[in-house]
Amino acid sequence: MFEKVTILFCAPQSKPELIEIENTVSKMEEIVKGPINAKTLDDNGLCVITNELGEVKDLALNRVIHEEPIFGPCFFCRKNGEEFISLFKEEQEDLKNLLD
């Protein structure tokens, strides 16, 4: 397992930012302010990590991804099997610009 991963963090009503975090569930839960839910977005493992209870807790609407609303903070990374990994270097800025 990688000790740190580079993610694209998206807070509601804020510009996305690339950050490096510890690759632990507890750190991910801290970032999204609750239990994590990982949704895979493509065949290459791109995923969005959200607060599983974001809508129930009435967190602010953040973005709509694949026609699904995301409530509260979220971030994008990749999954390789069951392991979370960093975004690919070549996609980091493109994804950041897309979500800006």
N, C-alpha and C. Protein backbone atom coordinates (compact mmCIF):
# COMPACT_ATOMS: atom_id res chain seq x y z
N MET A 1 0.84 -1.19 0.00
CA MET A 1 0.00 0.00 0.00
C MET A 1 0.89 1.25 0.00
N PHE A 2 0.48 2.23 -0.79
CA PHE A 2 1.18 3.51 -0.81
C PHE A 2 0.86 4.26 0.47
N GLU A 3 1.89 4.85 1.10
CA GLU A 3 1.67 5.59 2.35
C GLU A 3 0.93 6.89 2.12
N LYS A 4 1.16 7.53 0.98
CA LYS A 4 0.50 8.80 0.65
C LYS A 4 -0.04 8.71 -0.77
N VAL A 5 -1.13 9.45 -1.01
CA VAL A 5 -1.72 9.51 -2.34
C VAL A 5 -2.02 10.96 -2.69
N THR A 6 -1.92 11.27 -3.97
CA THR A 6 -2.28 12.60 -4.46
C THR A 6 -3.73 12.55 -4.93
N ILE A 7 -4.52 13.45 -4.36
CA ILE A 7 -5.95 13.49 -4.66
C ILE A 7 -6.33 14.89 -5.14
N LEU A 8 -7.52 14.99 -5.73
CA LEU A 8 -8.09 16.28 -6.07
C LEU A 8 -9.25 16.51 -5.11
N PHE A 9 -9.04 17.41 -4.16
CA PHE A 9 -10.02 17.70 -3.12
C PHE A 9 -10.98 18.78 -3.61
N CYS A 10 -12.27 18.56 -3.40
CA CYS A 10 -13.31 19.51 -3.81
C CYS A 10 -14.23 19.80 -2.63
N ALA A 11 -14.11 21.00 -2.10
CA ALA A 11 -15.03 21.46 -1.06
C ALA A 11 -16.20 22.15 -1.75
N PRO A 12 -17.39 22.13 -1.15
CA PRO A 12 -18.53 22.82 -1.76
C PRO A 12 -18.21 24.30 -2.00
N GLN A 13 -18.59 24.79 -3.17
CA GLN A 13 -18.45 26.20 -3.55
C GLN A 13 -17.01 26.69 -3.49
N SER A 14 -16.06 25.79 -3.77
CA SER A 14 -14.64 26.14 -3.78
C SER A 14 -13.97 25.53 -5.00
N LYS A 15 -12.85 26.10 -5.36
CA LYS A 15 -12.06 25.54 -6.45
C LYS A 15 -11.40 24.25 -5.99
N PRO A 16 -11.29 23.28 -6.88
CA PRO A 16 -10.61 22.03 -6.50
C PRO A 16 -9.12 22.26 -6.31
N GLU A 17 -8.52 21.46 -5.42
CA GLU A 17 -7.08 21.61 -5.19
C GLU A 17 -6.42 20.23 -5.07
N LEU A 18 -5.25 20.12 -5.67
CA LEU A 18 -4.46 18.90 -5.57
C LEU A 18 -3.73 18.90 -4.24
N ILE A 19 -3.90 17.82 -3.48
CA ILE A 19 -3.21 17.69 -2.21
C ILE A 19 -2.72 16.26 -2.05
N GLU A 20 -1.76 16.08 -1.18
CA GLU A 20 -1.27 14.75 -0.85
C GLU A 20 -1.73 14.42 0.56
N ILE A 21 -2.29 13.23 0.73
CA ILE A 21 -2.81 12.83 2.03
C ILE A 21 -2.27 11.45 2.42
N GLU A 22 -2.37 11.14 3.70
CA GLU A 22 -2.06 9.79 4.16
C GLU A 22 -3.10 8.84 3.57
N ASN A 23 -2.67 7.69 3.15
CA ASN A 23 -3.55 6.72 2.52
C ASN A 23 -4.19 5.81 3.58
N THR A 24 -5.04 6.44 4.42
CA THR A 24 -5.73 5.70 5.47
C THR A 24 -7.22 6.05 5.42
N VAL A 25 -8.04 5.11 5.81
CA VAL A 25 -9.49 5.36 5.84
C VAL A 25 -9.79 6.49 6.82
N SER A 26 -9.11 6.53 7.95
CA SER A 26 -9.39 7.58 8.94
C SER A 26 -9.11 8.97 8.37
N LYS A 27 -8.05 9.13 7.61
CA LYS A 27 -7.74 10.43 6.99
C LYS A 27 -8.79 10.78 5.94
N MET A 28 -9.21 9.78 5.16
CA MET A 28 -10.23 10.02 4.14
C MET A 28 -11.56 10.42 4.79
N GLU A 29 -11.91 9.77 5.90
CA GLU A 29 -13.13 10.13 6.62
C GLU A 29 -13.04 11.54 7.19
N GLU A 30 -11.86 11.91 7.63
CA GLU A 30 -11.65 13.28 8.13
C GLU A 30 -11.89 14.29 7.02
N ILE A 31 -11.42 13.99 5.83
CA ILE A 31 -11.54 14.91 4.69
C ILE A 31 -12.99 15.09 4.25
N VAL A 32 -13.75 13.99 4.18
CA VAL A 32 -15.14 14.09 3.72
C VAL A 32 -16.13 14.29 4.88
N LYS A 33 -15.61 14.35 6.09
CA LYS A 33 -16.40 14.62 7.30
C LYS A 33 -17.43 13.54 7.60
N GLY A 34 -17.01 12.28 7.44
CA GLY A 34 -17.90 11.17 7.76
C GLY A 34 -17.47 9.90 7.06
N PRO A 35 -18.31 8.87 7.14
CA PRO A 35 -17.96 7.59 6.52
C PRO A 35 -17.83 7.73 5.00
N ILE A 36 -16.82 7.07 4.46
CA ILE A 36 -16.56 7.23 3.02
C ILE A 36 -17.39 6.26 2.18
N ASN A 37 -17.68 6.75 0.98
CA ASN A 37 -18.32 5.95 -0.06
C ASN A 37 -17.49 6.17 -1.33
N ALA A 38 -17.01 5.10 -1.95
CA ALA A 38 -16.21 5.21 -3.17
C ALA A 38 -17.05 4.79 -4.36
N LYS A 39 -17.14 5.69 -5.35
CA LYS A 39 -17.87 5.38 -6.57
C LYS A 39 -16.89 5.42 -7.73
N THR A 40 -16.73 4.29 -8.43
CA THR A 40 -15.83 4.22 -9.58
C THR A 40 -16.51 4.87 -10.78
N LEU A 41 -15.76 5.74 -11.47
CA LEU A 41 -16.32 6.53 -12.57
C LEU A 41 -15.94 6.03 -13.95
N ASP A 42 -14.86 5.26 -14.05
CA ASP A 42 -14.45 4.76 -15.37
C ASP A 42 -13.76 3.42 -15.24
N ASP A 43 -13.44 2.81 -16.37
CA ASP A 43 -12.82 1.48 -16.38
C ASP A 43 -11.37 1.50 -15.91
N ASN A 44 -10.76 2.68 -15.81
CA ASN A 44 -9.36 2.79 -15.38
C ASN A 44 -9.22 3.05 -13.88
N GLY A 45 -10.33 3.00 -13.15
CA GLY A 45 -10.26 3.13 -11.69
C GLY A 45 -10.43 4.52 -11.13
N LEU A 46 -10.72 5.52 -11.98
CA LEU A 46 -10.99 6.86 -11.45
C LEU A 46 -12.21 6.76 -10.55
N CYS A 47 -12.10 7.33 -9.35
CA CYS A 47 -13.25 7.28 -8.44
C CYS A 47 -13.39 8.58 -7.67
N VAL A 48 -14.60 8.78 -7.19
CA VAL A 48 -14.90 9.91 -6.32
C VAL A 48 -15.24 9.34 -4.95
N ILE A 49 -14.64 9.94 -3.94
CA ILE A 49 -14.86 9.53 -2.56
C ILE A 49 -15.73 10.60 -1.92
N THR A 50 -16.88 10.18 -1.39
CA THR A 50 -17.84 11.10 -0.81
C THR A 50 -18.18 10.68 0.61
N ASN A 51 -18.92 11.55 1.29
CA ASN A 51 -19.47 11.23 2.59
C ASN A 51 -20.73 10.42 2.35
N GLU A 52 -20.74 9.19 2.80
CA GLU A 52 -21.87 8.29 2.58
C GLU A 52 -23.18 8.86 3.12
N LEU A 53 -23.09 9.70 4.14
CA LEU A 53 -24.28 10.26 4.77
C LEU A 53 -24.48 11.73 4.43
N GLY A 54 -23.79 12.22 3.41
CA GLY A 54 -23.83 13.65 3.07
C GLY A 54 -25.22 14.21 2.87
N GLU A 55 -26.05 13.50 2.12
CA GLU A 55 -27.40 13.99 1.85
C GLU A 55 -28.26 13.89 3.12
N VAL A 56 -28.14 12.80 3.85
CA VAL A 56 -28.91 12.59 5.07
C VAL A 56 -28.56 13.66 6.11
N LYS A 57 -27.27 14.01 6.19
CA LYS A 57 -26.82 15.02 7.16
C LYS A 57 -27.08 16.44 6.68
N ASP A 58 -27.67 16.56 5.47
CA ASP A 58 -28.00 17.85 4.87
C ASP A 58 -26.76 18.72 4.66
N LEU A 59 -25.66 18.08 4.21
CA LEU A 59 -24.46 18.83 3.86
C LEU A 59 -24.71 19.59 2.57
N ALA A 60 -23.94 20.64 2.35
CA ALA A 60 -24.12 21.49 1.17
C ALA A 60 -23.89 20.71 -0.13
N LEU A 61 -24.69 21.04 -1.14
CA LEU A 61 -24.49 20.46 -2.47
C LEU A 61 -23.13 20.90 -2.98
N ASN A 62 -22.34 19.95 -3.42
CA ASN A 62 -20.99 20.24 -3.88
C ASN A 62 -20.96 20.30 -5.40
N ARG A 63 -21.20 19.17 -6.04
CA ARG A 63 -21.17 19.04 -7.49
C ARG A 63 -22.13 17.93 -7.89
N VAL A 64 -22.40 17.86 -9.20
CA VAL A 64 -23.17 16.75 -9.75
C VAL A 64 -22.22 15.97 -10.65
N ILE A 65 -22.01 14.71 -10.33
CA ILE A 65 -21.08 13.85 -11.08
C ILE A 65 -21.88 12.67 -11.62
N HIS A 66 -21.82 12.49 -12.94
CA HIS A 66 -22.58 11.40 -13.59
C HIS A 66 -24.05 11.46 -13.18
N GLU A 67 -24.61 12.67 -13.18
CA GLU A 67 -26.02 12.93 -12.87
C GLU A 67 -26.41 12.61 -11.43
N GLU A 68 -25.43 12.44 -10.56
CA GLU A 68 -25.71 12.20 -9.14
C GLU A 68 -25.17 13.36 -8.31
N PRO A 69 -26.01 13.94 -7.45
CA PRO A 69 -25.52 15.03 -6.61
C PRO A 69 -24.55 14.52 -5.54
N ILE A 70 -23.53 15.31 -5.29
CA ILE A 70 -22.55 15.03 -4.25
C ILE A 70 -22.76 16.09 -3.16
N PHE A 71 -22.99 15.63 -1.93
CA PHE A 71 -23.21 16.55 -0.81
C PHE A 71 -22.00 16.52 0.12
N GLY A 72 -21.50 17.70 0.46
CA GLY A 72 -20.35 17.81 1.34
C GLY A 72 -19.04 17.66 0.57
N PRO A 73 -17.92 17.72 1.28
CA PRO A 73 -16.61 17.60 0.65
C PRO A 73 -16.46 16.23 -0.03
N CYS A 74 -15.69 16.23 -1.11
CA CYS A 74 -15.39 14.97 -1.80
C CYS A 74 -13.98 15.07 -2.36
N PHE A 75 -13.46 13.96 -2.85
CA PHE A 75 -12.19 14.00 -3.56
C PHE A 75 -12.12 12.90 -4.59
N PHE A 76 -11.24 13.11 -5.55
CA PHE A 76 -11.03 12.17 -6.64
C PHE A 76 -9.65 11.53 -6.50
N CYS A 77 -9.60 10.24 -6.73
CA CYS A 77 -8.36 9.48 -6.74
C CYS A 77 -8.58 8.29 -7.67
N ARG A 78 -7.73 7.30 -7.57
CA ARG A 78 -7.88 6.08 -8.37
C ARG A 78 -7.91 4.89 -7.43
N LYS A 79 -8.51 3.81 -7.93
CA LYS A 79 -8.50 2.54 -7.22
C LYS A 79 -7.81 1.51 -8.10
N ASN A 80 -7.00 0.70 -7.46
CA ASN A 80 -6.38 -0.44 -8.13
C ASN A 80 -6.78 -1.66 -7.31
N GLY A 81 -7.82 -2.36 -7.75
CA GLY A 81 -8.39 -3.41 -6.91
C GLY A 81 -9.07 -2.77 -5.72
N GLU A 82 -8.66 -3.15 -4.53
CA GLU A 82 -9.22 -2.57 -3.31
C GLU A 82 -8.35 -1.43 -2.76
N GLU A 83 -7.25 -1.13 -3.43
CA GLU A 83 -6.30 -0.12 -2.94
C GLU A 83 -6.54 1.22 -3.61
N PHE A 84 -6.52 2.28 -2.82
CA PHE A 84 -6.59 3.64 -3.36
C PHE A 84 -5.20 4.08 -3.77
N ILE A 85 -5.11 4.70 -4.94
CA ILE A 85 -3.82 5.18 -5.45
C ILE A 85 -3.98 6.62 -5.94
N SER A 86 -2.85 7.26 -6.22
CA SER A 86 -2.83 8.65 -6.68
C SER A 86 -3.44 8.78 -8.06
N LEU A 87 -3.94 9.98 -8.33
CA LEU A 87 -4.33 10.31 -9.69
C LEU A 87 -3.09 10.27 -10.57
N PHE A 88 -3.26 9.92 -11.83
CA PHE A 88 -2.13 9.93 -12.77
C PHE A 88 -1.68 11.38 -12.97
N LYS A 89 -0.37 11.59 -13.03
CA LYS A 89 0.17 12.95 -13.20
C LYS A 89 -0.44 13.65 -14.41
N GLU A 90 -0.55 12.92 -15.52
CA GLU A 90 -1.03 13.53 -16.77
C GLU A 90 -2.52 13.94 -16.70
N GLU A 91 -3.27 13.46 -15.74
CA GLU A 91 -4.69 13.82 -15.66
C GLU A 91 -4.98 14.85 -14.57
N GLN A 92 -4.05 15.11 -13.69
CA GLN A 92 -4.31 15.95 -12.54
C GLN A 92 -4.82 17.34 -12.92
N GLU A 93 -4.12 18.03 -13.79
CA GLU A 93 -4.52 19.39 -14.17
C GLU A 93 -5.78 19.39 -15.01
N ASP A 94 -5.93 18.39 -15.92
CA ASP A 94 -7.12 18.31 -16.73
C ASP A 94 -8.37 18.13 -15.86
N LEU A 95 -8.28 17.25 -14.89
CA LEU A 95 -9.41 17.01 -13.99
C LEU A 95 -9.69 18.25 -13.14
N LYS A 96 -8.64 18.89 -12.69
CA LYS A 96 -8.79 20.10 -11.89
C LYS A 96 -9.51 21.18 -12.71
N ASN A 97 -9.11 21.36 -13.97
CA ASN A 97 -9.75 22.36 -14.83
C ASN A 97 -11.19 21.99 -15.14
N LEU A 98 -11.47 20.73 -15.33
CA LEU A 98 -12.82 20.26 -15.62
C LEU A 98 -13.77 20.55 -14.47
N LEU A 99 -13.30 20.40 -13.25
CA LEU A 99 -14.14 20.57 -12.06
C LEU A 99 -14.15 22.00 -11.52
N ASP A 100 -13.34 22.87 -12.09
CA ASP A 100 -13.23 24.25 -11.63
C ASP A 100 -14.50 25.04 -11.91
